[in-house]
Amino acid sequence: MLAKLRAVDVDEFIYVWPEYEPVWLHWQALQTQWRVGGMGGATGLDYAGVRAYLDEVGLPPGEERRELWACLVACELEALNAWAAIRDKRQSVENK
């Protein structure tokens, strides 16, 4: 069974496998932790902020935290790739 979660600020639903629902909820909570610089937009998550968040929610060092960290980094990389693709598409349209 898939968990049905409301996408933030979007009038549609996304579906997440139940075992990834906690990762998604942590990912959503960390959206204030993006490093932004220059004209390129976000450059990545502020890892010190992510670590502070994980400490604050009481996730002790160990396998579960390392697994969550790996999932969050994967989400970060995909978000950066998606934003880069959007930027490239926008620039390509503007240059025509």
C-alpha atoms as a PDB file:
ATOM      1  CA  MET A   1       0.000   0.000   0.000  1.00  0.00           C
ATOM      2  CA  LEU A   2       1.251   3.492  -0.829  1.00  0.00           C
ATOM      3  CA  ALA A   3       1.025   6.433   1.524  1.00  0.00           C
ATOM      4  CA  LYS A   4      -0.842   9.344  -0.048  1.00  0.00           C
ATOM      5  CA  LEU A   5       0.801  12.642   0.889  1.00  0.00           C
ATOM      6  CA  ARG A   6      -0.197  16.137  -0.106  1.00  0.00           C
ATOM      7  CA  ALA A   7       2.582  17.841  -2.016  1.00  0.00           C
ATOM      8  CA  VAL A   8       3.549  21.175  -0.494  1.00  0.00           C
ATOM      9  CA  ASP A   9       2.007  24.176  -2.293  1.00  0.00           C
ATOM     10  CA  VAL A  10       0.788  22.010  -5.161  1.00  0.00           C
ATOM     11  CA  ASP A  11      -2.735  20.986  -6.088  1.00  0.00           C
ATOM     12  CA  GLU A  12      -1.840  17.362  -6.609  1.00  0.00           C
ATOM     13  CA  PHE A  13      -0.916  14.315  -4.602  1.00  0.00           C
ATOM     14  CA  ILE A  14       2.264  12.318  -4.607  1.00  0.00           C
ATOM     15  CA  TYR A  15       2.528   8.699  -3.612  1.00  0.00           C
ATOM     16  CA  VAL A  16       5.299   7.409  -1.399  1.00  0.00           C
ATOM     17  CA  TRP A  17       6.028   3.839  -0.399  1.00  0.00           C
ATOM     18  CA  PRO A  18       5.260   3.485   3.332  1.00  0.00           C
ATOM     19  CA  GLU A  19       8.862   2.623   4.192  1.00  0.00           C
ATOM     20  CA  TYR A  20       9.946   5.974   2.693  1.00  0.00           C
ATOM     21  CA  GLU A  21       7.275   8.098   4.363  1.00  0.00           C
ATOM     22  CA  PRO A  22       9.575   8.980   7.324  1.00  0.00           C
ATOM     23  CA  VAL A  23      12.296  10.038   4.877  1.00  0.00           C
ATOM     24  CA  TRP A  24       9.801  12.224   3.009  1.00  0.00           C
ATOM     25  CA  LEU A  25       8.622  13.864   6.226  1.00  0.00           C
ATOM     26  CA  HIS A  26      12.216  14.584   7.282  1.00  0.00           C
ATOM     27  CA  TRP A  27      12.950  15.890   3.772  1.00  0.00           C
ATOM     28  CA  GLN A  28      10.003  18.279   4.003  1.00  0.00           C
ATOM     29  CA  ALA A  29      11.122  19.469   7.432  1.00  0.00           C
ATOM     30  CA  LEU A  30      14.595  20.259   6.059  1.00  0.00           C
ATOM     31  CA  GLN A  31      13.451  22.538   3.228  1.00  0.00           C
ATOM     32  CA  THR A  32      14.612  25.571   5.220  1.00  0.00           C
ATOM     33  CA  GLN A  33      18.179  24.237   5.207  1.00  0.00           C
ATOM     34  CA  TRP A  34      19.155  25.008   1.597  1.00  0.00           C
ATOM     35  CA  ARG A  35      22.344  26.970   0.992  1.00  0.00           C
ATOM     36  CA  VAL A  36      21.668  29.639  -1.604  1.00  0.00           C
ATOM     37  CA  GLY A  37      24.374  31.597  -3.314  1.00  0.00           C
ATOM     38  CA  GLY A  38      24.963  33.786  -6.306  1.00  0.00           C
ATOM     39  CA  MET A  39      22.628  33.774  -9.241  1.00  0.00           C
ATOM     40  CA  GLY A  40      22.543  29.999  -9.517  1.00  0.00           C
ATOM     41  CA  GLY A  41      20.078  29.443  -6.701  1.00  0.00           C
ATOM     42  CA  ALA A  42      20.446  26.624  -4.200  1.00  0.00           C
ATOM     43  CA  THR A  43      23.831  24.916  -4.075  1.00  0.00           C
ATOM     44  CA  GLY A  44      22.985  22.141  -1.634  1.00  0.00           C
ATOM     45  CA  LEU A  45      21.759  21.493   1.858  1.00  0.00           C
ATOM     46  CA  ASP A  46      23.499  23.044   4.843  1.00  0.00           C
ATOM     47  CA  TYR A  47      24.826  19.810   6.338  1.00  0.00           C
ATOM     48  CA  ALA A  48      25.450  21.429   9.731  1.00  0.00           C
ATOM     49  CA  GLY A  49      21.775  22.400   9.775  1.00  0.00           C
ATOM     50  CA  VAL A  50      20.753  18.893   8.758  1.00  0.00           C
ATOM     51  CA  ARG A  51      22.887  17.400  11.542  1.00  0.00           C
ATOM     52  CA  ALA A  52      21.395  19.845  14.053  1.00  0.00           C
ATOM     53  CA  TYR A  53      17.899  18.867  12.897  1.00  0.00           C
ATOM     54  CA  LEU A  54      18.665  15.152  13.264  1.00  0.00           C
ATOM     55  CA  ASP A  55      20.016  15.807  16.763  1.00  0.00           C
ATOM     56  CA  GLU A  56      16.942  17.872  17.625  1.00  0.00           C
ATOM     57  CA  VAL A  57      14.519  15.142  16.565  1.00  0.00           C
ATOM     58  CA  GLY A  58      16.491  12.703  18.709  1.00  0.00           C
ATOM     59  CA  LEU A  59      17.925  10.451  16.026  1.00  0.00           C
ATOM     60  CA  PRO A  60      21.107   9.061  17.610  1.00  0.00           C
ATOM     61  CA  PRO A  61      24.231   8.238  15.586  1.00  0.00           C
ATOM     62  CA  GLY A  62      23.993   4.755  14.138  1.00  0.00           C
ATOM     63  CA  GLU A  63      22.782   2.745  11.188  1.00  0.00           C
ATOM     64  CA  GLU A  64      19.292   4.279  11.042  1.00  0.00           C
ATOM     65  CA  ARG A  65      20.738   7.802  10.951  1.00  0.00           C
ATOM     66  CA  ARG A  66      23.312   6.859   8.286  1.00  0.00           C
ATOM     67  CA  GLU A  67      20.563   5.315   6.156  1.00  0.00           C
ATOM     68  CA  LEU A  68      18.372   8.414   6.521  1.00  0.00           C
ATOM     69  CA  TRP A  69      21.380  10.623   5.698  1.00  0.00           C
ATOM     70  CA  ALA A  70      21.988   8.663   2.480  1.00  0.00           C
ATOM     71  CA  CYS A  71      18.328   9.045   1.489  1.00  0.00           C
ATOM     72  CA  LEU A  72      18.406  12.793   2.207  1.00  0.00           C
ATOM     73  CA  VAL A  73      21.563  13.236   0.124  1.00  0.00           C
ATOM     74  CA  ALA A  74      19.896  11.324  -2.725  1.00  0.00           C
ATOM     75  CA  CYS A  75      16.879  13.658  -2.488  1.00  0.00           C
ATOM     76  CA  GLU A  76      19.216  16.662  -2.434  1.00  0.00           C
ATOM     77  CA  LEU A  77      21.048  15.541  -5.577  1.00  0.00           C
ATOM     78  CA  GLU A  78      17.811  14.859  -7.439  1.00  0.00           C
ATOM     79  CA  ALA A  79      16.386  18.250  -6.443  1.00  0.00           C
ATOM     80  CA  LEU A  80      19.550  19.999  -7.645  1.00  0.00           C
ATOM     81  CA  ASN A  81      19.451  18.041 -10.931  1.00  0.00           C
ATOM     82  CA  ALA A  82      15.764  18.884 -11.442  1.00  0.00           C
ATOM     83  CA  TRP A  83      16.383  22.590 -10.768  1.00  0.00           C
ATOM     84  CA  ALA A  84      19.346  22.564 -13.172  1.00  0.00           C
ATOM     85  CA  ALA A  85      17.166  20.988 -15.880  1.00  0.00           C
ATOM     86  CA  ILE A  86      14.475  23.627 -15.311  1.00  0.00           C
ATOM     87  CA  ARG A  87      17.106  26.395 -15.494  1.00  0.00           C
ATOM     88  CA  ASP A  88      18.576  24.943 -18.700  1.00  0.00           C
ATOM     89  CA  LYS A  89      15.141  24.664 -20.293  1.00  0.00           C
ATOM     90  CA  ARG A  90      14.258  28.220 -19.281  1.00  0.00           C
ATOM     91  CA  GLN A  91      17.544  29.555 -20.697  1.00  0.00           C
ATOM     92  CA  SER A  92      17.058  27.638 -23.903  1.00  0.00           C
ATOM     93  CA  VAL A  93      13.588  29.138 -24.352  1.00  0.00           C
ATOM     94  CA  GLU A  94      14.855  32.636 -23.549  1.00  0.00           C
ATOM     95  CA  ASN A  95      17.703  32.329 -26.076  1.00  0.00           C
ATOM     96  CA  LYS A  96      15.385  31.502 -28.974  1.00  0.00           C
END
